PDB file of N, CA and C in Angstrom:
ATOM      1  N   MET A   1      84.321  72.060 -45.846  1.00  0.00           N
ATOM      2  CA  MET A   1      84.376  71.310 -44.605  1.00  0.00           C
ATOM      3  C   MET A   1      82.979  71.049 -44.046  1.00  0.00           C
ATOM      4  N   SER A   2      82.127  72.068 -44.015  1.00  0.00           N
ATOM      5  CA  SER A   2      80.793  71.891 -43.449  1.00  0.00           C
ATOM      6  C   SER A   2      79.942  70.980 -44.315  1.00  0.00           C
ATOM      7  N   ILE A   3      80.170  70.961 -45.606  1.00  0.00           N
ATOM      8  CA  ILE A   3      79.431  70.059 -46.488  1.00  0.00           C
ATOM      9  C   ILE A   3      79.781  68.612 -46.154  1.00  0.00           C
ATOM     10  N   GLN A   4      81.043  68.354 -45.856  1.00  0.00           N
ATOM     11  CA  GLN A   4      81.460  67.010 -45.489  1.00  0.00           C
ATOM     12  C   GLN A   4      80.813  66.574 -44.176  1.00  0.00           C
ATOM     13  N   ILE A   5      80.669  67.466 -43.223  1.00  0.00           N
ATOM     14  CA  ILE A   5      80.057  67.138 -41.933  1.00  0.00           C
ATOM     15  C   ILE A   5      78.577  66.825 -42.127  1.00  0.00           C
ATOM     16  N   VAL A   6      77.886  67.652 -42.928  1.00  0.00           N
ATOM     17  CA  VAL A   6      76.464  67.416 -43.194  1.00  0.00           C
ATOM     18  C   VAL A   6      76.274  66.099 -43.924  1.00  0.00           C
ATOM     19  N   THR A   7      77.120  65.828 -44.905  1.00  0.00           N
ATOM     20  CA  THR A   7      77.039  64.575 -45.649  1.00  0.00           C
ATOM     21  C   THR A   7      77.263  63.390 -44.723  1.00  0.00           C
ATOM     22  N   ALA A   8      78.227  63.479 -43.841  1.00  0.00           N
ATOM     23  CA  ALA A   8      78.499  62.390 -42.896  1.00  0.00           C
ATOM     24  C   ALA A   8      77.312  62.196 -41.950  1.00  0.00           C
ATOM     25  N   ALA A   9      76.721  63.269 -41.475  1.00  0.00           N
ATOM     26  CA  ALA A   9      75.576  63.170 -40.569  1.00  0.00           C
ATOM     27  C   ALA A   9      74.384  62.538 -41.271  1.00  0.00           C
ATOM     28  N   LEU A  10      74.128  62.916 -42.505  1.00  0.00           N
ATOM     29  CA  LEU A  10      73.022  62.322 -43.257  1.00  0.00           C
ATOM     30  C   LEU A  10      73.264  60.848 -43.535  1.00  0.00           C
ATOM     31  N   THR A  11      74.491  60.497 -43.809  1.00  0.00           N
ATOM     32  CA  THR A  11      74.829  59.095 -44.058  1.00  0.00           C
ATOM     33  C   THR A  11      74.550  58.251 -42.816  1.00  0.00           C
ATOM     34  N   VAL A  12      74.916  58.741 -41.649  1.00  0.00           N
ATOM     35  CA  VAL A  12      74.666  58.023 -40.402  1.00  0.00           C
ATOM     36  C   VAL A  12      73.162  57.931 -40.148  1.00  0.00           C
ATOM     37  N   ALA A  13      72.427  59.013 -40.391  1.00  0.00           N
ATOM     38  CA  ALA A  13      70.979  59.012 -40.162  1.00  0.00           C
ATOM     39  C   ALA A  13      70.278  58.009 -41.061  1.00  0.00           C
ATOM     40  N   VAL A  14      70.653  57.949 -42.321  1.00  0.00           N
ATOM     41  CA  VAL A  14      70.038  57.011 -43.260  1.00  0.00           C
ATOM     42  C   VAL A  14      70.411  55.579 -42.904  1.00  0.00           C
ATOM     43  N   ALA A  15      71.607  55.351 -42.450  1.00  0.00           N
ATOM     44  CA  ALA A  15      72.062  53.999 -42.117  1.00  0.00           C
ATOM     45  C   ALA A  15      71.348  53.443 -40.895  1.00  0.00           C
ATOM     46  N   THR A  16      70.833  54.304 -40.009  1.00  0.00           N
ATOM     47  CA  THR A  16      70.189  53.813 -38.802  1.00  0.00           C
ATOM     48  C   THR A  16      68.685  53.642 -38.943  1.00  0.00           C
ATOM     49  N   VAL A  17      68.119  53.981 -40.089  1.00  0.00           N
ATOM     50  CA  VAL A  17      66.686  53.819 -40.301  1.00  0.00           C
ATOM     51  C   VAL A  17      66.377  52.335 -40.405  1.00  0.00           C
ATOM     52  N   GLN A  18      65.370  51.873 -39.649  1.00  0.00           N
ATOM     53  CA  GLN A  18      64.993  50.468 -39.659  1.00  0.00           C
ATOM     54  C   GLN A  18      63.680  50.304 -40.392  1.00  0.00           C
ATOM     55  N   MET A  19      63.456  49.106 -40.911  1.00  0.00           N
ATOM     56  CA  MET A  19      62.194  48.822 -41.570  1.00  0.00           C
ATOM     57  C   MET A  19      61.101  48.736 -40.511  1.00  0.00           C
ATOM     58  N   PRO A  20      59.898  49.234 -40.806  1.00  0.00           N
ATOM     59  CA  PRO A  20      58.808  49.162 -39.830  1.00  0.00           C
ATOM     60  C   PRO A  20      58.343  47.733 -39.605  1.00  0.00           C
ATOM     61  N   ALA A  21      57.749  47.498 -38.444  1.00  0.00           N
ATOM     62  CA  ALA A  21      57.207  46.174 -38.133  1.00  0.00           C
ATOM     63  C   ALA A  21      56.109  45.836 -39.123  1.00  0.00           C
ATOM     64  N   GLY A  22      56.035  44.593 -39.497  1.00  0.00           N
ATOM     65  CA  GLY A  22      55.015  44.176 -40.441  1.00  0.00           C
ATOM     66  C   GLY A  22      55.388  44.473 -41.879  1.00  0.00           C
ATOM     67  N   ALA A  23      56.650  44.746 -42.127  1.00  0.00           N
ATOM     68  CA  ALA A  23      57.090  45.029 -43.479  1.00  0.00           C
ATOM     69  C   ALA A  23      56.978  43.770 -44.331  1.00  0.00           C
ATOM     70  N   PRO A  24      56.835  43.926 -45.639  1.00  0.00           N
ATOM     71  CA  PRO A  24      56.733  42.750 -46.506  1.00  0.00           C
ATOM     72  C   PRO A  24      57.929  41.811 -46.325  1.00  0.00           C
ATOM     73  N   GLY A  25      57.656  40.529 -46.391  1.00  0.00           N
ATOM     74  CA  GLY A  25      58.735  39.547 -46.269  1.00  0.00           C
ATOM     75  C   GLY A  25      58.999  39.111 -44.841  1.00  0.00           C
ATOM     76  N   THR A  26      58.164  39.536 -43.898  1.00  0.00           N
ATOM     77  CA  THR A  26      58.393  39.155 -42.508  1.00  0.00           C
ATOM     78  C   THR A  26      57.439  38.062 -42.045  1.00  0.00           C
ATOM     79  N   GLY A  27      56.779  37.386 -42.980  1.00  0.00           N
ATOM     80  CA  GLY A  27      55.859  36.307 -42.628  1.00  0.00           C
ATOM     81  C   GLY A  27      56.611  35.114 -42.076  1.00  0.00           C
ATOM     82  N   ALA A  28      55.857  34.181 -41.541  1.00  0.00           N
ATOM     83  CA  ALA A  28      56.444  32.970 -40.967  1.00  0.00           C
ATOM     84  C   ALA A  28      57.088  32.121 -42.062  1.00  0.00           C
ATOM     85  N   PRO A  29      58.139  31.386 -41.723  1.00  0.00           N
ATOM     86  CA  PRO A  29      58.764  30.498 -42.698  1.00  0.00           C
ATOM     87  C   PRO A  29      57.784  29.420 -43.158  1.00  0.00           C
ATOM     88  N   SER A  30      57.972  28.952 -44.363  1.00  0.00           N
ATOM     89  CA  SER A  30      57.082  27.898 -44.858  1.00  0.00           C
ATOM     90  C   SER A  30      57.445  26.572 -44.198  1.00  0.00           C
ATOM     91  N   GLY A  31      56.495  25.653 -44.213  1.00  0.00           N
ATOM     92  CA  GLY A  31      56.721  24.345 -43.608  1.00  0.00           C
ATOM     93  C   GLY A  31      55.684  23.361 -44.112  1.00  0.00           C
ATOM     94  N   THR A  32      55.657  22.185 -43.512  1.00  0.00           N
ATOM     95  CA  THR A  32      54.688  21.153 -43.883  1.00  0.00           C
ATOM     96  C   THR A  32      53.421  21.315 -43.038  1.00  0.00           C
ATOM     97  N   ALA A  33      52.459  20.428 -43.249  1.00  0.00           N
ATOM     98  CA  ALA A  33      51.210  20.481 -42.486  1.00  0.00           C
ATOM     99  C   ALA A  33      51.438  20.189 -40.999  1.00  0.00           C
ATOM    100  N   THR A  34      52.531  19.485 -40.682  1.00  0.00           N
ATOM    101  CA  THR A  34      52.805  19.149 -39.277  1.00  0.00           C
ATOM    102  C   THR A  34      53.796  20.107 -38.616  1.00  0.00           C
ATOM    103  N   THR A  35      54.285  21.091 -39.352  1.00  0.00           N
ATOM    104  CA  THR A  35      55.220  22.062 -38.791  1.00  0.00           C
ATOM    105  C   THR A  35      54.508  22.884 -37.726  1.00  0.00           C
ATOM    106  N   ARG A  36      55.151  23.029 -36.568  1.00  0.00           N
ATOM    107  CA  ARG A  36      54.564  23.808 -35.485  1.00  0.00           C
ATOM    108  C   ARG A  36      55.263  25.164 -35.409  1.00  0.00           C
ATOM    109  N   TYR A  37      54.473  26.207 -35.262  1.00  0.00           N
ATOM    110  CA  TYR A  37      54.963  27.579 -35.165  1.00  0.00           C
ATOM    111  C   TYR A  37      54.783  28.044 -33.730  1.00  0.00           C
ATOM    112  N   CYS A  38      55.880  28.440 -33.104  1.00  0.00           N
ATOM    113  CA  CYS A  38      55.853  28.857 -31.704  1.00  0.00           C
ATOM    114  C   CYS A  38      55.757  30.372 -31.629  1.00  0.00           C
ATOM    115  N   LEU A  39      54.722  30.856 -30.939  1.00  0.00           N
ATOM    116  CA  LEU A  39      54.471  32.279 -30.789  1.00  0.00           C
ATOM    117  C   LEU A  39      54.381  32.652 -29.322  1.00  0.00           C
ATOM    118  N   LYS A  40      54.831  33.885 -29.005  1.00  0.00           N
ATOM    119  CA  LYS A  40      54.642  34.412 -27.658  1.00  0.00           C
ATOM    120  C   LYS A  40      53.162  34.721 -27.486  1.00  0.00           C
ATOM    121  N   VAL A  41      52.620  34.337 -26.330  1.00  0.00           N
ATOM    122  CA  VAL A  41      51.205  34.532 -26.040  1.00  0.00           C
ATOM    123  C   VAL A  41      51.084  35.423 -24.808  1.00  0.00           C
ATOM    124  N   ASP A  42      50.115  36.347 -24.834  1.00  0.00           N
ATOM    125  CA  ASP A  42      49.897  37.231 -23.691  1.00  0.00           C
ATOM    126  C   ASP A  42      49.604  36.417 -22.442  1.00  0.00           C
ATOM    127  N   PRO A  43      50.069  36.903 -21.293  1.00  0.00           N
ATOM    128  CA  PRO A  43      49.810  36.177 -20.045  1.00  0.00           C
ATOM    129  C   PRO A  43      48.332  36.233 -19.679  1.00  0.00           C
ATOM    130  N   PRO A  44      47.871  35.227 -18.938  1.00  0.00           N
ATOM    131  CA  PRO A  44      46.479  35.267 -18.477  1.00  0.00           C
ATOM    132  C   PRO A  44      46.274  36.415 -17.488  1.00  0.00           C
ATOM    133  N   THR A  45      45.050  36.820 -17.314  1.00  0.00           N
ATOM    134  CA  THR A  45      44.723  37.901 -16.386  1.00  0.00           C
ATOM    135  C   THR A  45      45.262  37.589 -14.990  1.00  0.00           C
ATOM    136  N   GLY A  46      45.919  38.577 -14.399  1.00  0.00           N
ATOM    137  CA  GLY A  46      46.469  38.404 -13.053  1.00  0.00           C
ATOM    138  C   GLY A  46      47.904  37.927 -13.030  1.00  0.00           C
ATOM    139  N   SER A  47      48.479  37.665 -14.191  1.00  0.00           N
ATOM    140  CA  SER A  47      49.861  37.188 -14.266  1.00  0.00           C
ATOM    141  C   SER A  47      50.669  38.122 -15.160  1.00  0.00           C
ATOM    142  N   ARG A  48      51.952  38.218 -14.879  1.00  0.00           N
ATOM    143  CA  ARG A  48      52.842  38.988 -15.738  1.00  0.00           C
ATOM    144  C   ARG A  48      53.764  38.079 -16.536  1.00  0.00           C
ATOM    145  N   ILE A  49      53.599  36.792 -16.378  1.00  0.00           N
ATOM    146  CA  ILE A  49      54.479  35.825 -17.034  1.00  0.00           C
ATOM    147  C   ILE A  49      53.823  35.341 -18.323  1.00  0.00           C
ATOM    148  N   GLY A  50      54.382  35.755 -19.441  1.00  0.00           N
ATOM    149  CA  GLY A  50      53.884  35.306 -20.739  1.00  0.00           C
ATOM    150  C   GLY A  50      54.329  33.887 -21.028  1.00  0.00           C
ATOM    151  N   THR A  51      53.708  33.270 -22.006  1.00  0.00           N
ATOM    152  CA  THR A  51      54.077  31.905 -22.368  1.00  0.00           C
ATOM    153  C   THR A  51      54.358  31.834 -23.859  1.00  0.00           C
ATOM    154  N   ILE A  52      54.913  30.722 -24.271  1.00  0.00           N
ATOM    155  CA  ILE A  52      55.143  30.430 -25.680  1.00  0.00           C
ATOM    156  C   ILE A  52      54.346  29.177 -26.001  1.00  0.00           C
ATOM    157  N   GLN A  53      53.514  29.257 -27.031  1.00  0.00           N
ATOM    158  CA  GLN A  53      52.721  28.099 -27.447  1.00  0.00           C
ATOM    159  C   GLN A  53      53.123  27.708 -28.858  1.00  0.00           C
ATOM    160  N   CYS A  54      53.245  26.407 -29.099  1.00  0.00           N
ATOM    161  CA  CYS A  54      53.612  25.877 -30.403  1.00  0.00           C
ATOM    162  C   CYS A  54      52.432  25.095 -30.972  1.00  0.00           C
ATOM    163  N   ARG A  55      51.965  25.515 -32.141  1.00  0.00           N
ATOM    164  CA  ARG A  55      50.824  24.877 -32.795  1.00  0.00           C
ATOM    165  C   ARG A  55      51.048  24.873 -34.304  1.00  0.00           C
ATOM    166  N   THR A  56      50.301  24.007 -34.994  1.00  0.00           N
ATOM    167  CA  THR A  56      50.359  23.995 -36.459  1.00  0.00           C
ATOM    168  C   THR A  56      49.584  25.201 -36.991  1.00  0.00           C
ATOM    169  N   ARG A  57      49.770  25.503 -38.267  1.00  0.00           N
ATOM    170  CA  ARG A  57      49.010  26.604 -38.884  1.00  0.00           C
ATOM    171  C   ARG A  57      47.507  26.369 -38.755  1.00  0.00           C
ATOM    172  N   GLU A  58      47.094  25.116 -38.927  1.00  0.00           N
ATOM    173  CA  GLU A  58      45.676  24.780 -38.829  1.00  0.00           C
ATOM    174  C   GLU A  58      45.138  25.062 -37.422  1.00  0.00           C
ATOM    175  N   ASP A  59      45.925  24.690 -36.410  1.00  0.00           N
ATOM    176  CA  ASP A  59      45.512  24.936 -35.025  1.00  0.00           C
ATOM    177  C   ASP A  59      45.425  26.435 -34.730  1.00  0.00           C
ATOM    178  N   TRP A  60      46.418  27.212 -35.205  1.00  0.00           N
ATOM    179  CA  TRP A  60      46.381  28.659 -35.006  1.00  0.00           C
ATOM    180  C   TRP A  60      45.177  29.265 -35.728  1.00  0.00           C
ATOM    181  N   ALA A  61      44.890  28.784 -36.932  1.00  0.00           N
ATOM    182  CA  ALA A  61      43.751  29.302 -37.693  1.00  0.00           C
ATOM    183  C   ALA A  61      42.435  29.031 -36.964  1.00  0.00           C
ATOM    184  N   ALA A  62      42.334  27.882 -36.313  1.00  0.00           N
ATOM    185  CA  ALA A  62      41.121  27.558 -35.545  1.00  0.00           C
ATOM    186  C   ALA A  62      40.925  28.547 -34.392  1.00  0.00           C
ATOM    187  N   LEU A  63      42.028  29.131 -33.922  1.00  0.00           N
ATOM    188  CA  LEU A  63      41.962  30.135 -32.857  1.00  0.00           C
ATOM    189  C   LEU A  63      41.895  31.557 -33.437  1.00  0.00           C
ATOM    190  N   GLU A  64      41.700  31.628 -34.751  1.00  0.00           N
ATOM    191  CA  GLU A  64      41.622  32.900 -35.477  1.00  0.00           C
ATOM    192  C   GLU A  64      42.897  33.725 -35.365  1.00  0.00           C
ATOM    193  N   VAL A  65      44.045  33.036 -35.440  1.00  0.00           N
ATOM    194  CA  VAL A  65      45.348  33.692 -35.412  1.00  0.00           C
ATOM    195  C   VAL A  65      45.999  33.504 -36.772  1.00  0.00           C
ATOM    196  N   ASP A  66      46.403  34.606 -37.405  1.00  0.00           N
ATOM    197  CA  ASP A  66      47.117  34.561 -38.680  1.00  0.00           C
ATOM    198  C   ASP A  66      48.612  34.489 -38.373  1.00  0.00           C
ATOM    199  N   VAL A  67      49.203  33.327 -38.556  1.00  0.00           N
ATOM    200  CA  VAL A  67      50.610  33.104 -38.205  1.00  0.00           C
ATOM    201  C   VAL A  67      51.517  34.078 -38.950  1.00  0.00           C
ATOM    202  N   ASP A  68      51.261  34.295 -40.238  1.00  0.00           N
ATOM    203  CA  ASP A  68      52.119  35.191 -41.016  1.00  0.00           C
ATOM    204  C   ASP A  68      52.062  36.619 -40.489  1.00  0.00           C
ATOM    205  N   GLN A  69      50.915  37.065 -40.056  1.00  0.00           N
ATOM    206  CA  GLN A  69      50.763  38.419 -39.546  1.00  0.00           C
ATOM    207  C   GLN A  69      51.400  38.569 -38.163  1.00  0.00           C
ATOM    208  N   GLU A  70      51.279  37.572 -37.325  1.00  0.00           N
ATOM    209  CA  GLU A  70      51.789  37.631 -35.956  1.00  0.00           C
ATOM    210  C   GLU A  70      53.286  37.341 -35.864  1.00  0.00           C
ATOM    211  N   TRP A  71      53.839  36.695 -36.876  1.00  0.00           N
ATOM    212  CA  TRP A  71      55.221  36.215 -36.815  1.00  0.00           C
ATOM    213  C   TRP A  71      56.230  37.335 -36.562  1.00  0.00           C
ATOM    214  N   ALA A  72      56.059  38.485 -37.196  1.00  0.00           N
ATOM    215  CA  ALA A  72      57.040  39.570 -37.052  1.00  0.00           C
ATOM    216  C   ALA A  72      57.191  40.029 -35.613  1.00  0.00           C
ATOM    217  N   ASP A  73      56.093  40.100 -34.881  1.00  0.00           N
ATOM    218  CA  ASP A  73      56.139  40.594 -33.499  1.00  0.00           C
ATOM    219  C   ASP A  73      56.260  39.502 -32.463  1.00  0.00           C
ATOM    220  N   ASN A  74      55.685  38.312 -32.727  1.00  0.00           N
ATOM    221  CA  ASN A  74      55.591  37.293 -31.689  1.00  0.00           C
ATOM    222  C   ASN A  74      56.209  35.950 -32.037  1.00  0.00           C
ATOM    223  N   GLY A  75      56.791  35.808 -33.219  1.00  0.00           N
ATOM    224  CA  GLY A  75      57.382  34.533 -33.619  1.00  0.00           C
ATOM    225  C   GLY A  75      58.630  34.210 -32.815  1.00  0.00           C
ATOM    226  N   VAL A  76      58.739  32.955 -32.389  1.00  0.00           N
ATOM    227  CA  VAL A  76      59.891  32.532 -31.578  1.00  0.00           C
ATOM    228  C   VAL A  76      60.721  31.489 -32.332  1.00  0.00           C
ATOM    229  N   ARG A  77      60.073  30.412 -32.764  1.00  0.00           N
ATOM    230  CA  ARG A  77      60.806  29.356 -33.476  1.00  0.00           C
ATOM    231  C   ARG A  77      59.833  28.478 -34.252  1.00  0.00           C
ATOM    232  N   VAL A  78      60.402  27.692 -35.141  1.00  0.00           N
ATOM    233  CA  VAL A  78      59.622  26.725 -35.931  1.00  0.00           C
ATOM    234  C   VAL A  78      60.119  25.342 -35.560  1.00  0.00           C
ATOM    235  N   VAL A  79      59.187  24.412 -35.275  1.00  0.00           N
ATOM    236  CA  VAL A  79      59.540  23.051 -34.890  1.00  0.00           C
ATOM    237  C   VAL A  79      59.022  22.104 -35.957  1.00  0.00           C
ATOM    238  N   GLY A  80      59.932  21.294 -36.501  1.00  0.00           N
ATOM    239  CA  GLY A  80      59.532  20.290 -37.480  1.00  0.00           C
ATOM    240  C   GLY A  80      59.753  20.748 -38.814  1.00  0.00           C
TER     241      GLY A  80
END
């Protein structure tokens, strides 16, 4: 009986383990050169209201933002 309880508890514990943030395969979806990637952006100083900005990969790269790296935590949607 106690072996069954331990086995059931371990099964539940293993089933609730989540993959860590930034795990492989969490990059942004592929798209064309005109595809815009919308990311959550930190609010400006003095504000608590964050914004969402949509830019192409090229535009994000010009701002030194790696879309694939940021997508897991801040990705919202893809347009186009």
